Each structure stands twice: as C-alpha cells, then as structure tokens.
Amino acid sequence: MATFYVYPVSIRKGRDGRYLARFPDVPEALTDGATKAEAYLEAKDAVAEALMSRMADKEDIPAPSEPRGRLLPVALDPTVALKVALYDAVREQGLTIADLARLLDVDHKEARRLLDPHHVSKLPRLRQALASTGYEILVGVRKASETSAASKTAKMAKPATAKSAKPAVTRKPAPRARATKSPVAA
C-alpha cells in the first residue's frame, strides 16, 4: 500500500482577522497568514518543519489522514517526503545509521546525511536508500481540480500553470510479481 505524504489542514479566520492553519495529524504545526492563500502557503512550510523536527528528535511521524469536510490537502515537498519515508523505513526495521551505511556501501556520514532533514540529498541516493529498505518511489502528477478548495486557494498565490504532485512510497512487489521500469528524473 502506498503512503501519500499529503496532510490535511484546517484554515479558519481568527478573531483578529488573520487566518490560522492547523494540522489535525501534526498538532505542533501551526501558522497563520493575512489571507487564506498566505496561510495555505505558510502551512506547507509549517508541516514540513514540524515533521523534520520530529525526525531530529527521533519521534514518530504520524501517518496523514484523508482530508474531509473543510480540510485542505497539503503535499510535502518531494525531498522532505522521501526523507520522512526513509526515516520511517529505517525505524520500522530497527536499522541503525551504520546498518544503512552497510546496505548502501557508503560512508557512515553519507548515510547520516540521508536522514538529516536539513541536508539536501539527491533523488538517486534517496531512491537507492529506500530500495535497500524494501521500498520504491512512485510519483504522480495531476491537474488541480477546478472544484477543489485547495486548488482555488493555491491559484490565488501561484500561476495558473502550476501542477500538483503527490510523491508516494510503497513496498516493492514480491519477486514473482511482474517487474516494471521505474522512471527516474535526471
């Protein structure tokens, strides 16, 4: 089963006239904005920072729930989503950084940087690290729905040509399953 790193956010106008953004799945991710669009853009940073803080503190990462009602979907930056997925995979399997380094045949420092939320890691290395833990990356791009509240909010702050992407990580199929080519961005 694939995990899509898209967290629902509630954006409500406060008594002071500013819009407050809250994430039910990540309560410490709070932010606001002068407009709903600004609050939405700030929410993307707030949830990423909250999850990266949890990684740095070696805490659990909550699974995103489905956006319902007035909740808007907020997709993590693809690199943040992949680092969160790798962090979860390493913790799930009880691996140490030294174990990850051995799996990847890399230096201990390089393996540590893959799990460092503030270090920029390249897609091929993250893909390799996830593959070594039994996961593969799936990438989906979809046109923003004209009826979506998130789309309307995003259009206020982005050009009309912007597209929404949802990175996902899933377990590799069993060896007897049909193999498919996985495109990797250059």
C-alpha atoms as a PDB file:
ATOM      1  CA  MET A   1       0.000   0.000   0.000  1.00  0.00           C
ATOM      2  CA  ALA A   2       1.343   3.422  -0.957  1.00  0.00           C
ATOM      3  CA  THR A   3       1.709   6.283   1.506  1.00  0.00           C
ATOM      4  CA  PHE A   4       0.966   9.701   0.066  1.00  0.00           C
ATOM      5  CA  TYR A   5       2.585  12.428   2.132  1.00  0.00           C
ATOM      6  CA  VAL A   6      -0.363  14.811   1.918  1.00  0.00           C
ATOM      7  CA  TYR A   7      -1.544  16.178   5.258  1.00  0.00           C
ATOM      8  CA  PRO A   8      -4.951  17.821   5.779  1.00  0.00           C
ATOM      9  CA  VAL A   9      -5.004  21.374   7.120  1.00  0.00           C
ATOM     10  CA  SER A  10      -7.813  23.433   8.600  1.00  0.00           C
ATOM     11  CA  ILE A  11      -7.696  27.134   7.744  1.00  0.00           C
ATOM     12  CA  ARG A  12     -10.085  29.336   9.714  1.00  0.00           C
ATOM     13  CA  LYS A  13     -10.361  33.062  10.182  1.00  0.00           C
ATOM     14  CA  GLY A  14      -9.472  34.120  13.716  1.00  0.00           C
ATOM     15  CA  ARG A  15     -10.909  36.895  15.869  1.00  0.00           C
ATOM     16  CA  ASP A  16      -8.015  39.133  14.868  1.00  0.00           C
ATOM     17  CA  GLY A  17      -8.900  38.755  11.165  1.00  0.00           C
ATOM     18  CA  ARG A  18      -5.881  36.565  10.344  1.00  0.00           C
ATOM     19  CA  TYR A  19      -6.261  33.032   9.003  1.00  0.00           C
ATOM     20  CA  LEU A  20      -4.996  30.263  11.296  1.00  0.00           C
ATOM     21  CA  ALA A  21      -3.749  26.996   9.773  1.00  0.00           C
ATOM     22  CA  ARG A  22      -3.809  23.828  11.922  1.00  0.00           C
ATOM     23  CA  PHE A  23      -2.959  20.231  11.101  1.00  0.00           C
ATOM     24  CA  PRO A  24      -5.047  17.619  12.962  1.00  0.00           C
ATOM     25  CA  ASP A  25      -2.348  14.958  12.379  1.00  0.00           C
ATOM     26  CA  VAL A  26       0.573  17.214  13.395  1.00  0.00           C
ATOM     27  CA  PRO A  27      -0.737  19.472  16.200  1.00  0.00           C
ATOM     28  CA  GLU A  28       2.552  21.353  16.636  1.00  0.00           C
ATOM     29  CA  ALA A  29       2.353  22.579  13.013  1.00  0.00           C
ATOM     30  CA  LEU A  30       0.584  25.912  13.454  1.00  0.00           C
ATOM     31  CA  THR A  31       0.864  29.037  11.354  1.00  0.00           C
ATOM     32  CA  ASP A  32      -1.196  31.930  10.076  1.00  0.00           C
ATOM     33  CA  GLY A  33      -1.470  34.417   7.268  1.00  0.00           C
ATOM     34  CA  ALA A  34      -3.138  37.698   6.408  1.00  0.00           C
ATOM     35  CA  THR A  35      -5.142  35.878   3.715  1.00  0.00           C
ATOM     36  CA  LYS A  36      -6.304  32.307   3.276  1.00  0.00           C
ATOM     37  CA  ALA A  37      -3.832  31.860   0.400  1.00  0.00           C
ATOM     38  CA  GLU A  38      -0.946  33.134   2.528  1.00  0.00           C
ATOM     39  CA  ALA A  39      -1.944  30.821   5.403  1.00  0.00           C
ATOM     40  CA  TYR A  40      -2.037  27.881   2.973  1.00  0.00           C
ATOM     41  CA  LEU A  41       1.466  28.638   1.676  1.00  0.00           C
ATOM     42  CA  GLU A  42       2.779  29.084   5.220  1.00  0.00           C
ATOM     43  CA  ALA A  43       1.109  25.782   6.186  1.00  0.00           C
ATOM     44  CA  LYS A  44       3.299  23.889   3.680  1.00  0.00           C
ATOM     45  CA  ASP A  45       6.406  25.138   5.472  1.00  0.00           C
ATOM     46  CA  ALA A  46       4.933  24.624   8.945  1.00  0.00           C
ATOM     47  CA  VAL A  47       4.106  20.944   8.451  1.00  0.00           C
ATOM     48  CA  ALA A  48       7.480  20.239   6.829  1.00  0.00           C
ATOM     49  CA  GLU A  49       9.331  21.930   9.706  1.00  0.00           C
ATOM     50  CA  ALA A  50       7.246  20.081  12.304  1.00  0.00           C
ATOM     51  CA  LEU A  51       7.951  16.696  10.693  1.00  0.00           C
ATOM     52  CA  MET A  52      11.657  17.482  10.300  1.00  0.00           C
ATOM     53  CA  SER A  53      11.745  18.469  13.971  1.00  0.00           C
ATOM     54  CA  ARG A  54      10.193  15.122  14.883  1.00  0.00           C
ATOM     55  CA  MET A  55      12.884  13.389  12.831  1.00  0.00           C
ATOM     56  CA  ALA A  56      15.658  15.356  14.569  1.00  0.00           C
ATOM     57  CA  ASP A  57      14.139  14.452  17.960  1.00  0.00           C
ATOM     58  CA  LYS A  58      13.770  10.780  16.898  1.00  0.00           C
ATOM     59  CA  GLU A  59       9.986  10.878  17.400  1.00  0.00           C
ATOM     60  CA  ASP A  60       7.272   9.027  15.475  1.00  0.00           C
ATOM     61  CA  ILE A  61       5.946  10.560  12.261  1.00  0.00           C
ATOM     62  CA  PRO A  62       2.128  10.481  12.147  1.00  0.00           C
ATOM     63  CA  ALA A  63       0.504   8.994   9.068  1.00  0.00           C
ATOM     64  CA  PRO A  64      -1.523  11.549   7.132  1.00  0.00           C
ATOM     65  CA  SER A  65      -5.290  11.169   7.347  1.00  0.00           C
ATOM     66  CA  GLU A  66      -7.700  11.807   4.479  1.00  0.00           C
ATOM     67  CA  PRO A  67      -8.807  15.429   4.071  1.00  0.00           C
ATOM     68  CA  ARG A  68     -12.520  15.586   4.889  1.00  0.00           C
ATOM     69  CA  GLY A  69     -15.034  18.371   5.060  1.00  0.00           C
ATOM     70  CA  ARG A  70     -13.358  21.774   5.015  1.00  0.00           C
ATOM     71  CA  LEU A  71      -9.836  20.387   5.399  1.00  0.00           C
ATOM     72  CA  LEU A  72      -7.445  21.191   2.544  1.00  0.00           C
ATOM     73  CA  PRO A  73      -4.707  18.801   1.352  1.00  0.00           C
ATOM     74  CA  VAL A  74      -1.088  19.938   1.753  1.00  0.00           C
ATOM     75  CA  ALA A  75       1.544  17.850  -0.052  1.00  0.00           C
ATOM     76  CA  LEU A  76       5.033  17.751   1.413  1.00  0.00           C
ATOM     77  CA  ASP A  77       7.945  18.898  -0.702  1.00  0.00           C
ATOM     78  CA  PRO A  78       9.091  15.729  -2.564  1.00  0.00           C
ATOM     79  CA  THR A  79      12.540  15.651  -0.931  1.00  0.00           C
ATOM     80  CA  VAL A  80      11.035  16.070   2.547  1.00  0.00           C
ATOM     81  CA  ALA A  81       8.506  13.306   1.787  1.00  0.00           C
ATOM     82  CA  LEU A  82      11.299  10.930   0.719  1.00  0.00           C
ATOM     83  CA  LYS A  83      13.379  11.686   3.810  1.00  0.00           C
ATOM     84  CA  VAL A  84      10.324  11.104   6.028  1.00  0.00           C
ATOM     85  CA  ALA A  85       9.679   7.796   4.212  1.00  0.00           C
ATOM     86  CA  LEU A  86      13.306   6.705   4.674  1.00  0.00           C
ATOM     87  CA  TYR A  87      13.222   7.723   8.339  1.00  0.00           C
ATOM     88  CA  ASP A  88      10.051   5.638   8.841  1.00  0.00           C
ATOM     89  CA  ALA A  89      11.530   2.645   6.966  1.00  0.00           C
ATOM     90  CA  VAL A  90      14.752   2.710   8.991  1.00  0.00           C
ATOM     91  CA  ARG A  91      12.824   2.945  12.282  1.00  0.00           C
ATOM     92  CA  GLU A  92      10.316   0.267  11.222  1.00  0.00           C
ATOM     93  CA  GLN A  93      13.148  -2.172  10.505  1.00  0.00           C
ATOM     94  CA  GLY A  94      15.180  -1.249  13.590  1.00  0.00           C
ATOM     95  CA  LEU A  95      18.171  -0.210  11.489  1.00  0.00           C
ATOM     96  CA  THR A  96      20.980   1.990  12.723  1.00  0.00           C
ATOM     97  CA  ILE A  97      22.816   4.538  10.592  1.00  0.00           C
ATOM     98  CA  ALA A  98      25.708   2.060  10.450  1.00  0.00           C
ATOM     99  CA  ASP A  99      23.293  -0.605   9.120  1.00  0.00           C
ATOM    100  CA  LEU A 100      22.044   1.793   6.461  1.00  0.00           C
ATOM    101  CA  ALA A 101      25.631   2.670   5.503  1.00  0.00           C
ATOM    102  CA  ARG A 102      26.432  -1.051   5.078  1.00  0.00           C
ATOM    103  CA  LEU A 103      23.296  -1.619   2.996  1.00  0.00           C
ATOM    104  CA  LEU A 104      24.245   1.255   0.697  1.00  0.00           C
ATOM    105  CA  ASP A 105      28.001   0.548   0.796  1.00  0.00           C
ATOM    106  CA  VAL A 106      28.672   4.188   1.721  1.00  0.00           C
ATOM    107  CA  ASP A 107      30.445   6.088   4.452  1.00  0.00           C
ATOM    108  CA  HIS A 108      28.638   6.446   7.810  1.00  0.00           C
ATOM    109  CA  LYS A 109      28.490  10.248   7.339  1.00  0.00           C
ATOM    110  CA  GLU A 110      26.738   9.915   3.982  1.00  0.00           C
ATOM    111  CA  ALA A 111      24.112   7.582   5.456  1.00  0.00           C
ATOM    112  CA  ARG A 112      23.572  10.022   8.347  1.00  0.00           C
ATOM    113  CA  ARG A 113      23.060  12.912   5.904  1.00  0.00           C
ATOM    114  CA  LEU A 114      20.315  10.933   4.121  1.00  0.00           C
ATOM    115  CA  LEU A 115      18.370  11.030   7.378  1.00  0.00           C
ATOM    116  CA  ASP A 116      19.281  14.643   8.163  1.00  0.00           C
ATOM    117  CA  PRO A 117      16.178  16.685   7.320  1.00  0.00           C
ATOM    118  CA  HIS A 118      18.235  19.835   6.770  1.00  0.00           C
ATOM    119  CA  HIS A 119      20.804  18.294   4.433  1.00  0.00           C
ATOM    120  CA  VAL A 120      19.997  18.385   0.708  1.00  0.00           C
ATOM    121  CA  SER A 121      20.033  14.836  -0.689  1.00  0.00           C
ATOM    122  CA  LYS A 122      19.775  13.825  -4.325  1.00  0.00           C
ATOM    123  CA  LEU A 123      16.895  11.756  -5.659  1.00  0.00           C
ATOM    124  CA  PRO A 124      19.028   8.819  -6.928  1.00  0.00           C
ATOM    125  CA  ARG A 125      20.622   8.348  -3.494  1.00  0.00           C
ATOM    126  CA  LEU A 126      17.255   8.579  -1.694  1.00  0.00           C
ATOM    127  CA  ARG A 127      15.805   6.092  -4.198  1.00  0.00           C
ATOM    128  CA  GLN A 128      18.709   3.721  -3.549  1.00  0.00           C
ATOM    129  CA  ALA A 129      18.313   4.062   0.217  1.00  0.00           C
ATOM    130  CA  LEU A 130      14.571   3.389   0.066  1.00  0.00           C
ATOM    131  CA  ALA A 131      15.134   0.423  -2.263  1.00  0.00           C
ATOM    132  CA  SER A 132      17.656  -1.016   0.205  1.00  0.00           C
ATOM    133  CA  THR A 133      14.910  -0.985   2.859  1.00  0.00           C
ATOM    134  CA  GLY A 134      12.331  -2.616   0.567  1.00  0.00           C
ATOM    135  CA  TYR A 135      10.532   0.463  -0.743  1.00  0.00           C
ATOM    136  CA  GLU A 136      10.169   2.080  -4.134  1.00  0.00           C
ATOM    137  CA  ILE A 137       9.185   5.597  -5.107  1.00  0.00           C
ATOM    138  CA  LEU A 138       6.028   6.297  -7.088  1.00  0.00           C
ATOM    139  CA  VAL A 139       5.456   9.784  -8.469  1.00  0.00           C
ATOM    140  CA  GLY A 140       2.095  11.125  -9.537  1.00  0.00           C
ATOM    141  CA  VAL A 141       1.232  14.415 -11.134  1.00  0.00           C
ATOM    142  CA  ARG A 142      -2.322  15.562 -11.563  1.00  0.00           C
ATOM    143  CA  LYS A 143      -4.050  18.655 -12.810  1.00  0.00           C
ATOM    144  CA  ALA A 144      -5.506  20.661  -9.975  1.00  0.00           C
ATOM    145  CA  SER A 145      -9.273  20.196  -9.830  1.00  0.00           C
ATOM    146  CA  GLU A 146     -11.272  23.298 -10.645  1.00  0.00           C
ATOM    147  CA  THR A 147     -13.691  22.462  -7.840  1.00  0.00           C
ATOM    148  CA  SER A 148     -11.021  21.755  -5.236  1.00  0.00           C
ATOM    149  CA  ALA A 149     -10.826  24.261  -2.404  1.00  0.00           C
ATOM    150  CA  ALA A 150      -7.066  23.690  -2.250  1.00  0.00           C
ATOM    151  CA  SER A 151      -6.810  24.435  -5.945  1.00  0.00           C
ATOM    152  CA  LYS A 152      -8.715  27.682  -5.560  1.00  0.00           C
ATOM    153  CA  THR A 153      -6.532  28.683  -2.632  1.00  0.00           C
ATOM    154  CA  ALA A 154      -3.318  27.752  -4.462  1.00  0.00           C
ATOM    155  CA  LYS A 155      -4.400  29.664  -7.586  1.00  0.00           C
ATOM    156  CA  MET A 156      -4.570  32.838  -5.529  1.00  0.00           C
ATOM    157  CA  ALA A 157      -0.847  32.542  -4.841  1.00  0.00           C
ATOM    158  CA  LYS A 158       0.567  30.609  -7.834  1.00  0.00           C
ATOM    159  CA  PRO A 159       0.493  30.918 -11.609  1.00  0.00           C
ATOM    160  CA  ALA A 160      -2.344  29.102 -13.391  1.00  0.00           C
ATOM    161  CA  THR A 161       0.147  26.668 -14.958  1.00  0.00           C
ATOM    162  CA  ALA A 162       1.243  25.171 -11.610  1.00  0.00           C
ATOM    163  CA  LYS A 163       0.669  21.434 -11.197  1.00  0.00           C
ATOM    164  CA  SER A 164       0.160  19.424  -8.043  1.00  0.00           C
ATOM    165  CA  ALA A 165       2.418  16.428  -7.364  1.00  0.00           C
ATOM    166  CA  LYS A 166       1.991  13.698  -4.764  1.00  0.00           C
ATOM    167  CA  PRO A 167       5.101  11.676  -4.002  1.00  0.00           C
ATOM    168  CA  ALA A 168       4.407   8.245  -2.591  1.00  0.00           C
ATOM    169  CA  VAL A 169       6.492   5.400  -1.287  1.00  0.00           C
ATOM    170  CA  THR A 170       5.359   1.808  -1.364  1.00  0.00           C
ATOM    171  CA  ARG A 171       6.737  -1.649  -0.621  1.00  0.00           C
ATOM    172  CA  LYS A 172       8.328  -3.370  -3.593  1.00  0.00           C
ATOM    173  CA  PRO A 173       6.179  -6.132  -5.090  1.00  0.00           C
ATOM    174  CA  ALA A 174       7.100  -9.723  -4.310  1.00  0.00           C
ATOM    175  CA  PRO A 175       9.852 -11.110  -6.602  1.00  0.00           C
ATOM    176  CA  ARG A 176       7.337 -13.174  -8.600  1.00  0.00           C
ATOM    177  CA  ALA A 177       5.338 -10.035  -9.468  1.00  0.00           C
ATOM    178  CA  ARG A 178       5.756  -8.527 -12.938  1.00  0.00           C
ATOM    179  CA  ALA A 179       8.666  -6.104 -12.970  1.00  0.00           C
ATOM    180  CA  THR A 180       8.129  -2.613 -14.367  1.00  0.00           C
ATOM    181  CA  LYS A 181      10.578   0.085 -15.290  1.00  0.00           C
ATOM    182  CA  SER A 182      10.740   2.908 -12.788  1.00  0.00           C
ATOM    183  CA  PRO A 183      11.433   6.268 -14.438  1.00  0.00           C
ATOM    184  CA  VAL A 184      13.977   8.347 -12.562  1.00  0.00           C
ATOM    185  CA  ALA A 185      14.260  12.072 -13.152  1.00  0.00           C
ATOM    186  CA  ALA A 186      17.641  13.158 -14.427  1.00  0.00           C
END
